[in-house]
Amino acid sequence: MEILQIVGIGLIATFLSLILNEQKPAFAFLLMVFVGATIFIFLIGQISQVITMLERLAINAHLNLVYVETVLKIVGIAYIAEFGAQIAKDAGQGAMASKIELAGKILILVMAIPIITAIIQTVVGLIPQ
């Protein structure tokens, strides 16, 4: 059960951070960033399995892989932006967290333009003239 390991590591880091925060707040913050990044790296294998499965499904369904890759990039942007924003919030930088979230949303919108265009073209093609 990987989730038990992840939760255990997270809780241990949280308790250590609470103890360190009284004497060395900078070390407590660095500990939380390190553990957060470690958990993220630990999950990369799982993420790659999901991506591989989705690509196989898209090929079997004869979908254009450009759209599948775009959706996966959008999901990646969302997760990375959320991770960065949470780190900024943990550091007490709520304003910076908001900027990171805004940047993520704008990048997602930019990445979605080809998909939105394809959907609009499909709908227009279905409308009788």
C-alpha atoms as a PDB file:
ATOM      1  CA  MET A   1       0.000   0.000   0.000  1.00  0.00           C
ATOM      2  CA  GLU A   2       1.940   2.958  -1.331  1.00  0.00           C
ATOM      3  CA  ILE A   3      -0.553   5.447   0.040  1.00  0.00           C
ATOM      4  CA  LEU A   4       0.275   4.353   3.583  1.00  0.00           C
ATOM      5  CA  GLN A   5       3.971   5.011   2.928  1.00  0.00           C
ATOM      6  CA  ILE A   6       3.226   8.415   1.420  1.00  0.00           C
ATOM      7  CA  VAL A   7       0.904   9.422   4.259  1.00  0.00           C
ATOM      8  CA  GLY A   8       3.403   8.118   6.820  1.00  0.00           C
ATOM      9  CA  ILE A   9       6.247  10.123   5.311  1.00  0.00           C
ATOM     10  CA  GLY A  10       4.001  13.181   5.121  1.00  0.00           C
ATOM     11  CA  LEU A  11       2.900  12.906   8.743  1.00  0.00           C
ATOM     12  CA  ILE A  12       6.436  12.332  10.013  1.00  0.00           C
ATOM     13  CA  ALA A  13       7.634  15.360   8.047  1.00  0.00           C
ATOM     14  CA  THR A  14       4.737  17.404   9.434  1.00  0.00           C
ATOM     15  CA  PHE A  15       5.584  16.507  13.024  1.00  0.00           C
ATOM     16  CA  LEU A  16       9.286  17.218  12.454  1.00  0.00           C
ATOM     17  CA  SER A  17       8.377  20.516  10.820  1.00  0.00           C
ATOM     18  CA  LEU A  18       6.275  21.518  13.820  1.00  0.00           C
ATOM     19  CA  ILE A  19       9.202  20.769  16.136  1.00  0.00           C
ATOM     20  CA  LEU A  20      11.751  22.531  13.899  1.00  0.00           C
ATOM     21  CA  ASN A  21       9.478  25.512  13.303  1.00  0.00           C
ATOM     22  CA  GLU A  22       9.941  26.731  16.873  1.00  0.00           C
ATOM     23  CA  GLN A  23      13.724  27.006  16.606  1.00  0.00           C
ATOM     24  CA  LYS A  24      14.616  26.974  12.891  1.00  0.00           C
ATOM     25  CA  PRO A  25      11.654  27.991  10.693  1.00  0.00           C
ATOM     26  CA  ALA A  26      13.800  28.038   7.548  1.00  0.00           C
ATOM     27  CA  PHE A  27      14.811  24.396   8.078  1.00  0.00           C
ATOM     28  CA  ALA A  28      11.201  23.436   8.717  1.00  0.00           C
ATOM     29  CA  PHE A  29      10.186  24.995   5.406  1.00  0.00           C
ATOM     30  CA  LEU A  30      13.052  23.311   3.547  1.00  0.00           C
ATOM     31  CA  LEU A  31      12.091  19.979   5.077  1.00  0.00           C
ATOM     32  CA  MET A  32       8.519  20.341   3.838  1.00  0.00           C
ATOM     33  CA  VAL A  33       9.667  21.326   0.333  1.00  0.00           C
ATOM     34  CA  PHE A  34      12.084  18.395   0.214  1.00  0.00           C
ATOM     35  CA  VAL A  35       9.475  15.891   1.397  1.00  0.00           C
ATOM     36  CA  GLY A  36       6.881  17.312  -0.998  1.00  0.00           C
ATOM     37  CA  ALA A  37       9.290  16.990  -3.920  1.00  0.00           C
ATOM     38  CA  THR A  38      10.246  13.473  -2.801  1.00  0.00           C
ATOM     39  CA  ILE A  39       6.608  12.398  -2.749  1.00  0.00           C
ATOM     40  CA  PHE A  40       6.128  13.921  -6.207  1.00  0.00           C
ATOM     41  CA  ILE A  41       9.184  12.052  -7.536  1.00  0.00           C
ATOM     42  CA  PHE A  42       7.954   8.853  -5.891  1.00  0.00           C
ATOM     43  CA  LEU A  43       4.750   9.139  -7.931  1.00  0.00           C
ATOM     44  CA  ILE A  44       6.417   9.685 -11.312  1.00  0.00           C
ATOM     45  CA  GLY A  45       6.380   5.937 -12.029  1.00  0.00           C
ATOM     46  CA  GLN A  46       2.632   5.813 -11.424  1.00  0.00           C
ATOM     47  CA  ILE A  47       2.080   8.866 -13.591  1.00  0.00           C
ATOM     48  CA  SER A  48       4.040   7.332 -16.474  1.00  0.00           C
ATOM     49  CA  GLN A  49       1.909   4.175 -16.271  1.00  0.00           C
ATOM     50  CA  VAL A  50      -1.261   6.249 -16.552  1.00  0.00           C
ATOM     51  CA  ILE A  51       0.128   8.174 -19.522  1.00  0.00           C
ATOM     52  CA  THR A  52       1.135   4.966 -21.297  1.00  0.00           C
ATOM     53  CA  MET A  53      -2.308   3.441 -20.731  1.00  0.00           C
ATOM     54  CA  LEU A  54      -4.093   6.550 -22.009  1.00  0.00           C
ATOM     55  CA  GLU A  55      -1.912   6.633 -25.117  1.00  0.00           C
ATOM     56  CA  ARG A  56      -2.700   2.963 -25.815  1.00  0.00           C
ATOM     57  CA  LEU A  57      -6.414   3.630 -25.398  1.00  0.00           C
ATOM     58  CA  ALA A  58      -6.200   6.602 -27.771  1.00  0.00           C
ATOM     59  CA  ILE A  59      -4.410   4.522 -30.398  1.00  0.00           C
ATOM     60  CA  ASN A  60      -6.975   1.719 -30.094  1.00  0.00           C
ATOM     61  CA  ALA A  61      -9.820   4.244 -30.394  1.00  0.00           C
ATOM     62  CA  HIS A  62      -8.129   5.838 -33.443  1.00  0.00           C
ATOM     63  CA  LEU A  63      -7.980   9.236 -31.776  1.00  0.00           C
ATOM     64  CA  ASN A  64      -5.562  11.907 -32.888  1.00  0.00           C
ATOM     65  CA  LEU A  65      -2.634  11.660 -30.450  1.00  0.00           C
ATOM     66  CA  VAL A  66      -2.059  15.419 -30.652  1.00  0.00           C
ATOM     67  CA  TYR A  67      -5.261  15.997 -28.682  1.00  0.00           C
ATOM     68  CA  VAL A  68      -4.452  13.297 -26.129  1.00  0.00           C
ATOM     69  CA  GLU A  69      -0.965  14.718 -25.615  1.00  0.00           C
ATOM     70  CA  THR A  70      -2.436  18.209 -25.249  1.00  0.00           C
ATOM     71  CA  VAL A  71      -4.879  17.036 -22.587  1.00  0.00           C
ATOM     72  CA  LEU A  72      -2.058  15.279 -20.727  1.00  0.00           C
ATOM     73  CA  LYS A  73       0.049  18.451 -20.872  1.00  0.00           C
ATOM     74  CA  ILE A  74      -2.889  20.431 -19.504  1.00  0.00           C
ATOM     75  CA  VAL A  75      -3.265  18.005 -16.607  1.00  0.00           C
ATOM     76  CA  GLY A  76       0.487  18.227 -15.970  1.00  0.00           C
ATOM     77  CA  ILE A  77       0.365  22.020 -15.917  1.00  0.00           C
ATOM     78  CA  ALA A  78      -2.524  21.910 -13.444  1.00  0.00           C
ATOM     79  CA  TYR A  79      -0.693  19.555 -11.066  1.00  0.00           C
ATOM     80  CA  ILE A  80       2.605  21.433 -11.248  1.00  0.00           C
ATOM     81  CA  ALA A  81       0.921  24.803 -10.734  1.00  0.00           C
ATOM     82  CA  GLU A  82      -1.003  23.439  -7.752  1.00  0.00           C
ATOM     83  CA  PHE A  83       2.202  21.969  -6.280  1.00  0.00           C
ATOM     84  CA  GLY A  84       4.049  25.286  -6.686  1.00  0.00           C
ATOM     85  CA  ALA A  85       1.147  27.278  -5.268  1.00  0.00           C
ATOM     86  CA  GLN A  86       0.945  25.015  -2.218  1.00  0.00           C
ATOM     87  CA  ILE A  87       4.666  25.454  -1.572  1.00  0.00           C
ATOM     88  CA  ALA A  88       4.267  29.232  -1.824  1.00  0.00           C
ATOM     89  CA  LYS A  89       1.291  29.116   0.569  1.00  0.00           C
ATOM     90  CA  ASP A  90       3.309  26.992   3.020  1.00  0.00           C
ATOM     91  CA  ALA A  91       5.995  29.680   2.934  1.00  0.00           C
ATOM     92  CA  GLY A  92       3.387  32.292   3.796  1.00  0.00           C
ATOM     93  CA  GLN A  93       3.460  33.796   0.317  1.00  0.00           C
ATOM     94  CA  GLY A  94      -0.240  33.810  -0.553  1.00  0.00           C
ATOM     95  CA  ALA A  95       0.189  36.530  -3.189  1.00  0.00           C
ATOM     96  CA  MET A  96       2.842  34.513  -5.009  1.00  0.00           C
ATOM     97  CA  ALA A  97       0.653  31.413  -4.787  1.00  0.00           C
ATOM     98  CA  SER A  98      -2.136  33.347  -6.499  1.00  0.00           C
ATOM     99  CA  LYS A  99       0.232  34.411  -9.277  1.00  0.00           C
ATOM    100  CA  ILE A 100       1.370  30.815  -9.810  1.00  0.00           C
ATOM    101  CA  GLU A 101      -2.251  29.664  -9.997  1.00  0.00           C
ATOM    102  CA  LEU A 102      -3.076  32.452 -12.479  1.00  0.00           C
ATOM    103  CA  ALA A 103      -0.099  31.520 -14.649  1.00  0.00           C
ATOM    104  CA  GLY A 104      -1.204  27.886 -14.621  1.00  0.00           C
ATOM    105  CA  LYS A 105      -4.732  28.843 -15.687  1.00  0.00           C
ATOM    106  CA  ILE A 106      -3.479  31.034 -18.525  1.00  0.00           C
ATOM    107  CA  LEU A 107      -1.105  28.324 -19.769  1.00  0.00           C
ATOM    108  CA  ILE A 108      -3.942  25.793 -19.647  1.00  0.00           C
ATOM    109  CA  LEU A 109      -6.132  28.123 -21.696  1.00  0.00           C
ATOM    110  CA  VAL A 110      -3.369  28.594 -24.264  1.00  0.00           C
ATOM    111  CA  MET A 111      -2.805  24.833 -24.494  1.00  0.00           C
ATOM    112  CA  ALA A 112      -6.559  24.244 -24.916  1.00  0.00           C
ATOM    113  CA  ILE A 113      -6.943  26.527 -27.964  1.00  0.00           C
ATOM    114  CA  PRO A 114      -6.351  23.747 -30.545  1.00  0.00           C
ATOM    115  CA  ILE A 115      -8.910  21.502 -28.818  1.00  0.00           C
ATOM    116  CA  ILE A 116     -11.461  24.306 -28.570  1.00  0.00           C
ATOM    117  CA  THR A 117     -10.887  25.111 -32.249  1.00  0.00           C
ATOM    118  CA  ALA A 118     -11.433  21.478 -33.249  1.00  0.00           C
ATOM    119  CA  ILE A 119     -14.641  21.290 -31.207  1.00  0.00           C
ATOM    120  CA  ILE A 120     -16.008  24.498 -32.768  1.00  0.00           C
ATOM    121  CA  GLN A 121     -15.137  23.270 -36.266  1.00  0.00           C
ATOM    122  CA  THR A 122     -16.876  19.943 -35.572  1.00  0.00           C
ATOM    123  CA  VAL A 123     -20.008  21.658 -34.271  1.00  0.00           C
ATOM    124  CA  VAL A 124     -20.088  24.063 -37.226  1.00  0.00           C
ATOM    125  CA  GLY A 125     -19.685  21.101 -39.587  1.00  0.00           C
ATOM    126  CA  LEU A 126     -22.713  19.379 -38.015  1.00  0.00           C
ATOM    127  CA  ILE A 127     -24.995  22.381 -38.447  1.00  0.00           C
ATOM    128  CA  PRO A 128     -26.982  22.144 -41.697  1.00  0.00           C
ATOM    129  CA  GLN A 129     -26.550  25.123 -43.961  1.00  0.00           C
END
